[in-house]
Amino acid sequence: MSHRLRDHLTAAALDAWAALLPTSCSGCGAADRALCAACRLALLPAVHPVTRDDVRIWSALTYEGVARHVIAAYKDNGRTDAAAALAAPLRAAIVAALAAAPSLPAPSRVAPSR
């Protein structure tokens, strides 16, 4: 199946679903999509370090605009349909944090003594 055909079939299925269970974009409120294309693009990861109280934190989104609306909708309003779109930024932040973390020695297992 070509990508174009798959995209058309996906859009048709989403349109049918929206007719049965109306929804709105959790980022901007646009009708018929849980997360519209423009808001999905606004959630692309842009990993950057942030320092709070001398602690370095890795973030992939700035908590404003679309990201703020989508995160709040997920956390406060049960919009779990936003989880997949939030997964990529979360994964990117975790990967960056792990890459920047110092290496730690592996724990060793101590033999029990008798």
N, C-alpha and C. Protein backbone atom coordinates (compact mmCIF):
# COMPACT_ATOMS: atom_id res chain seq x y z
N MET A 1 0.85 -1.17 0.00
CA MET A 1 0.00 0.00 0.00
C MET A 1 0.90 1.24 0.00
N SER A 2 0.60 2.17 -0.86
CA SER A 2 1.42 3.38 -0.95
C SER A 2 1.16 4.28 0.26
N HIS A 3 2.13 5.13 0.54
CA HIS A 3 1.99 6.07 1.67
C HIS A 3 0.81 7.01 1.45
N ARG A 4 0.64 7.42 0.22
CA ARG A 4 -0.45 8.36 -0.08
C ARG A 4 -1.82 7.71 0.16
N LEU A 5 -1.97 6.47 -0.29
CA LEU A 5 -3.22 5.76 -0.08
C LEU A 5 -3.46 5.54 1.41
N ARG A 6 -2.40 5.16 2.12
CA ARG A 6 -2.52 4.95 3.56
C ARG A 6 -2.93 6.24 4.27
N ASP A 7 -2.35 7.36 3.86
CA ASP A 7 -2.71 8.65 4.46
C ASP A 7 -4.17 9.00 4.21
N HIS A 8 -4.64 8.73 2.99
CA HIS A 8 -6.05 9.01 2.66
C HIS A 8 -6.99 8.10 3.46
N LEU A 9 -6.63 6.84 3.58
CA LEU A 9 -7.45 5.91 4.36
C LEU A 9 -7.46 6.29 5.84
N THR A 10 -6.32 6.71 6.34
CA THR A 10 -6.25 7.14 7.74
C THR A 10 -7.12 8.37 7.97
N ALA A 11 -7.03 9.33 7.06
CA ALA A 11 -7.85 10.54 7.19
C ALA A 11 -9.34 10.20 7.11
N ALA A 12 -9.71 9.29 6.22
CA ALA A 12 -11.11 8.90 6.10
C ALA A 12 -11.60 8.21 7.37
N ALA A 13 -10.76 7.35 7.93
CA ALA A 13 -11.14 6.66 9.17
C ALA A 13 -11.28 7.66 10.32
N LEU A 14 -10.38 8.63 10.39
CA LEU A 14 -10.47 9.65 11.44
C LEU A 14 -11.71 10.52 11.26
N ASP A 15 -12.05 10.83 10.02
CA ASP A 15 -13.27 11.61 9.75
C ASP A 15 -14.51 10.83 10.20
N ALA A 16 -14.54 9.55 9.90
CA ALA A 16 -15.68 8.72 10.30
C ALA A 16 -15.76 8.63 11.82
N TRP A 17 -14.62 8.45 12.46
CA TRP A 17 -14.58 8.37 13.92
C TRP A 17 -15.05 9.69 14.54
N ALA A 18 -14.64 10.82 13.96
CA ALA A 18 -15.03 12.13 14.48
C ALA A 18 -16.54 12.35 14.35
N ALA A 19 -17.16 11.76 13.34
CA ALA A 19 -18.60 11.89 13.18
C ALA A 19 -19.34 11.12 14.28
N LEU A 20 -18.77 9.99 14.67
CA LEU A 20 -19.39 9.17 15.72
C LEU A 20 -19.11 9.72 17.12
N LEU A 21 -17.88 10.11 17.35
CA LEU A 21 -17.47 10.63 18.65
C LEU A 21 -16.71 11.94 18.44
N PRO A 22 -17.43 13.05 18.40
CA PRO A 22 -16.77 14.33 18.13
C PRO A 22 -15.66 14.62 19.15
N THR A 23 -14.59 15.20 18.66
CA THR A 23 -13.47 15.56 19.52
C THR A 23 -12.89 16.87 19.03
N SER A 24 -11.96 17.40 19.79
CA SER A 24 -11.27 18.61 19.36
C SER A 24 -9.79 18.46 19.70
N CYS A 25 -8.99 19.22 19.00
CA CYS A 25 -7.54 19.17 19.20
C CYS A 25 -7.21 19.63 20.62
N SER A 26 -6.40 18.85 21.31
CA SER A 26 -6.04 19.22 22.68
C SER A 26 -5.02 20.36 22.71
N GLY A 27 -4.47 20.72 21.56
CA GLY A 27 -3.52 21.83 21.50
C GLY A 27 -4.16 23.16 21.17
N CYS A 28 -5.09 23.16 20.19
CA CYS A 28 -5.67 24.43 19.74
C CYS A 28 -7.19 24.46 19.74
N GLY A 29 -7.82 23.31 19.93
CA GLY A 29 -9.28 23.26 19.97
C GLY A 29 -9.94 23.05 18.62
N ALA A 30 -9.16 22.89 17.55
CA ALA A 30 -9.74 22.66 16.23
C ALA A 30 -10.59 21.39 16.25
N ALA A 31 -11.65 21.39 15.49
CA ALA A 31 -12.59 20.27 15.49
C ALA A 31 -12.04 19.05 14.76
N ASP A 32 -12.54 17.89 15.16
CA ASP A 32 -12.41 16.61 14.45
C ASP A 32 -11.09 15.87 14.59
N ARG A 33 -10.12 16.38 15.30
CA ARG A 33 -8.88 15.63 15.49
C ARG A 33 -8.44 15.76 16.94
N ALA A 34 -7.98 14.68 17.52
CA ALA A 34 -7.48 14.72 18.89
C ALA A 34 -6.25 15.62 18.97
N LEU A 35 -5.47 15.63 17.90
CA LEU A 35 -4.31 16.51 17.80
C LEU A 35 -4.12 16.83 16.33
N CYS A 36 -4.33 18.08 15.96
CA CYS A 36 -4.25 18.46 14.55
C CYS A 36 -2.80 18.43 14.06
N ALA A 37 -2.62 18.48 12.76
CA ALA A 37 -1.28 18.39 12.17
C ALA A 37 -0.38 19.52 12.63
N ALA A 38 -0.91 20.73 12.73
CA ALA A 38 -0.09 21.88 13.15
C ALA A 38 0.39 21.70 14.59
N CYS A 39 -0.49 21.24 15.45
CA CYS A 39 -0.10 21.03 16.85
C CYS A 39 0.85 19.85 16.99
N ARG A 40 0.65 18.83 16.17
CA ARG A 40 1.58 17.68 16.19
C ARG A 40 2.99 18.15 15.82
N LEU A 41 3.09 19.05 14.84
CA LEU A 41 4.39 19.59 14.46
C LEU A 41 5.00 20.43 15.58
N ALA A 42 4.15 21.13 16.32
CA ALA A 42 4.65 21.96 17.43
C ALA A 42 5.20 21.11 18.57
N LEU A 43 4.89 19.82 18.58
CA LEU A 43 5.37 18.93 19.63
C LEU A 43 6.60 18.14 19.23
N LEU A 44 7.22 18.49 18.10
CA LEU A 44 8.45 17.81 17.73
C LEU A 44 9.53 18.15 18.76
N PRO A 45 10.31 17.16 19.17
CA PRO A 45 11.30 17.40 20.23
C PRO A 45 12.38 18.40 19.82
N ALA A 46 12.70 19.28 20.74
CA ALA A 46 13.82 20.21 20.62
C ALA A 46 14.54 20.17 21.97
N VAL A 47 15.40 19.19 22.13
CA VAL A 47 16.02 18.92 23.43
C VAL A 47 16.97 20.04 23.82
N HIS A 48 16.84 20.46 25.07
CA HIS A 48 17.72 21.50 25.60
C HIS A 48 17.83 21.34 27.11
N PRO A 49 19.01 21.68 27.66
CA PRO A 49 19.16 21.58 29.12
C PRO A 49 18.59 22.82 29.80
N VAL A 50 18.04 22.61 30.97
CA VAL A 50 17.51 23.68 31.81
C VAL A 50 18.10 23.46 33.19
N THR A 51 18.56 24.52 33.84
CA THR A 51 19.10 24.38 35.19
C THR A 51 18.12 25.00 36.19
N ARG A 52 17.75 24.21 37.17
CA ARG A 52 16.85 24.65 38.24
C ARG A 52 17.51 24.28 39.56
N ASP A 53 17.74 25.27 40.40
CA ASP A 53 18.35 25.04 41.72
C ASP A 53 19.62 24.19 41.61
N ASP A 54 20.49 24.56 40.69
CA ASP A 54 21.77 23.88 40.46
C ASP A 54 21.62 22.43 39.99
N VAL A 55 20.47 22.08 39.48
CA VAL A 55 20.25 20.74 38.94
C VAL A 55 19.96 20.88 37.45
N ARG A 56 20.70 20.13 36.65
CA ARG A 56 20.48 20.17 35.20
C ARG A 56 19.34 19.21 34.85
N ILE A 57 18.38 19.75 34.13
CA ILE A 57 17.21 18.99 33.69
C ILE A 57 17.18 19.04 32.17
N TRP A 58 16.86 17.93 31.55
CA TRP A 58 16.77 17.89 30.10
C TRP A 58 15.30 17.96 29.69
N SER A 59 15.00 18.87 28.80
CA SER A 59 13.63 19.06 28.34
C SER A 59 13.60 18.99 26.82
N ALA A 60 12.52 18.48 26.29
CA ALA A 60 12.36 18.44 24.84
C ALA A 60 11.27 19.38 24.36
N LEU A 61 10.53 19.96 25.30
CA LEU A 61 9.49 20.93 24.97
C LEU A 61 9.58 22.09 25.94
N THR A 62 9.22 23.26 25.48
CA THR A 62 9.10 24.41 26.36
C THR A 62 7.64 24.48 26.79
N TYR A 63 7.41 24.60 28.08
CA TYR A 63 6.05 24.54 28.61
C TYR A 63 5.32 25.85 28.36
N GLU A 64 4.90 26.01 27.12
CA GLU A 64 4.12 27.18 26.71
C GLU A 64 3.36 26.83 25.45
N GLY A 65 2.37 27.62 25.12
CA GLY A 65 1.62 27.44 23.88
C GLY A 65 1.01 26.05 23.74
N VAL A 66 1.22 25.46 22.59
CA VAL A 66 0.64 24.15 22.27
C VAL A 66 1.09 23.08 23.27
N ALA A 67 2.38 23.05 23.58
CA ALA A 67 2.88 22.04 24.51
C ALA A 67 2.17 22.15 25.86
N ARG A 68 2.00 23.36 26.33
CA ARG A 68 1.32 23.56 27.62
C ARG A 68 -0.12 23.06 27.56
N HIS A 69 -0.82 23.40 26.49
CA HIS A 69 -2.22 22.97 26.36
C HIS A 69 -2.35 21.45 26.29
N VAL A 70 -1.47 20.83 25.50
CA VAL A 70 -1.55 19.38 25.33
C VAL A 70 -1.18 18.66 26.62
N ILE A 71 -0.13 19.10 27.29
CA ILE A 71 0.27 18.47 28.55
C ILE A 71 -0.82 18.65 29.60
N ALA A 72 -1.39 19.84 29.69
CA ALA A 72 -2.47 20.07 30.65
C ALA A 72 -3.69 19.22 30.32
N ALA A 73 -4.01 19.10 29.04
CA ALA A 73 -5.16 18.27 28.64
C ALA A 73 -4.91 16.81 29.01
N TYR A 74 -3.68 16.36 28.84
CA TYR A 74 -3.32 14.98 29.19
C TYR A 74 -3.40 14.77 30.70
N LYS A 75 -2.78 15.66 31.45
CA LYS A 75 -2.70 15.50 32.90
C LYS A 75 -4.01 15.80 33.61
N ASP A 76 -4.65 16.89 33.25
CA ASP A 76 -5.79 17.38 34.02
C ASP A 76 -7.15 16.96 33.47
N ASN A 77 -7.21 16.68 32.18
CA ASN A 77 -8.51 16.38 31.57
C ASN A 77 -8.62 14.97 31.02
N GLY A 78 -7.63 14.14 31.30
CA GLY A 78 -7.69 12.75 30.87
C GLY A 78 -7.61 12.54 29.38
N ARG A 79 -7.00 13.47 28.66
CA ARG A 79 -6.88 13.33 27.20
C ARG A 79 -5.72 12.39 26.87
N THR A 80 -5.94 11.12 27.10
CA THR A 80 -4.89 10.13 26.85
C THR A 80 -4.60 9.97 25.36
N ASP A 81 -5.46 10.53 24.51
CA ASP A 81 -5.19 10.48 23.07
C ASP A 81 -3.97 11.32 22.71
N ALA A 82 -3.47 12.12 23.62
CA ALA A 82 -2.27 12.92 23.38
C ALA A 82 -0.99 12.19 23.78
N ALA A 83 -1.12 11.05 24.42
CA ALA A 83 0.05 10.33 24.94
C ALA A 83 1.06 9.98 23.86
N ALA A 84 0.61 9.52 22.73
CA ALA A 84 1.54 9.12 21.66
C ALA A 84 2.35 10.31 21.17
N ALA A 85 1.72 11.47 21.05
CA ALA A 85 2.43 12.66 20.58
C ALA A 85 3.42 13.17 21.63
N LEU A 86 3.14 12.93 22.90
CA LEU A 86 4.04 13.36 23.96
C LEU A 86 5.17 12.36 24.20
N ALA A 87 5.03 11.16 23.69
CA ALA A 87 6.05 10.13 23.92
C ALA A 87 7.38 10.46 23.25
N ALA A 88 7.36 10.98 22.04
CA ALA A 88 8.62 11.28 21.33
C ALA A 88 9.44 12.35 22.05
N PRO A 89 8.84 13.46 22.49
CA PRO A 89 9.64 14.42 23.24
C PRO A 89 10.16 13.85 24.56
N LEU A 90 9.35 13.06 25.24
CA LEU A 90 9.80 12.46 26.49
C LEU A 90 10.98 11.53 26.24
N ARG A 91 10.87 10.70 25.22
CA ARG A 91 11.96 9.79 24.87
C ARG A 91 13.23 10.56 24.54
N ALA A 92 13.10 11.64 23.77
CA ALA A 92 14.27 12.44 23.39
C ALA A 92 14.94 13.06 24.61
N ALA A 93 14.16 13.54 25.56
CA ALA A 93 14.72 14.13 26.78
C ALA A 93 15.43 13.07 27.62
N ILE A 94 14.85 11.89 27.72
CA ILE A 94 15.47 10.81 28.49
C ILE A 94 16.79 10.38 27.85
N VAL A 95 16.80 10.24 26.53
CA VAL A 95 18.03 9.85 25.82
C VAL A 95 19.12 10.89 26.05
N ALA A 96 18.77 12.17 25.97
CA ALA A 96 19.75 13.24 26.18
C ALA A 96 20.28 13.22 27.62
N ALA A 97 19.39 13.01 28.57
CA ALA A 97 19.81 12.97 29.97
C ALA A 97 20.74 11.79 30.24
N LEU A 98 20.42 10.64 29.67
CA LEU A 98 21.27 9.47 29.87
C LEU A 98 22.62 9.64 29.19
N ALA A 99 22.63 10.27 28.02
CA ALA A 99 23.89 10.49 27.30
C ALA A 99 24.79 11.45 28.07
N ALA A 100 24.20 12.39 28.79
CA ALA A 100 24.98 13.38 29.53
C ALA A 100 25.37 12.91 30.93
N ALA A 101 24.76 11.84 31.38
CA ALA A 101 25.03 11.35 32.74
C ALA A 101 26.41 10.73 32.83
N PRO A 102 27.07 10.92 33.95
CA PRO A 102 28.38 10.28 34.12
C PRO A 102 28.21 8.77 34.20
N SER A 103 29.23 8.07 33.77
CA SER A 103 29.19 6.61 33.85
C SER A 103 29.30 6.18 35.31
N LEU A 104 28.50 5.24 35.67
CA LEU A 104 28.54 4.71 37.02
C LEU A 104 29.01 3.27 36.96
N PRO A 105 29.78 2.84 37.95
CA PRO A 105 30.21 1.44 37.94
C PRO A 105 29.02 0.52 38.14
N ALA A 106 29.09 -0.61 37.51
CA ALA A 106 28.01 -1.59 37.66
C ALA A 106 28.06 -2.17 39.06
N PRO A 107 26.92 -2.39 39.66
CA PRO A 107 26.93 -2.98 41.00
C PRO A 107 27.48 -4.39 40.95
N SER A 108 28.22 -4.73 41.98
CA SER A 108 28.75 -6.09 42.03
C SER A 108 27.96 -6.87 43.06
N ARG A 109 27.94 -8.12 42.86
CA ARG A 109 27.20 -8.99 43.77
C ARG A 109 28.18 -9.57 44.78
N VAL A 110 27.88 -9.36 46.02
CA VAL A 110 28.75 -9.86 47.08
C VAL A 110 28.30 -11.27 47.43
N ALA A 111 29.26 -12.17 47.48
CA ALA A 111 28.94 -13.55 47.84
C ALA A 111 28.54 -13.60 49.31
N PRO A 112 27.51 -14.35 49.62
CA PRO A 112 27.10 -14.45 51.03
C PRO A 112 28.18 -15.13 51.86
N SER A 113 28.37 -14.64 53.06
CA SER A 113 29.36 -15.26 53.95
C SER A 113 28.66 -16.16 54.95
N ARG A 114 29.37 -17.18 55.40
CA ARG A 114 28.77 -18.11 56.36
C ARG A 114 29.49 -18.07 57.65
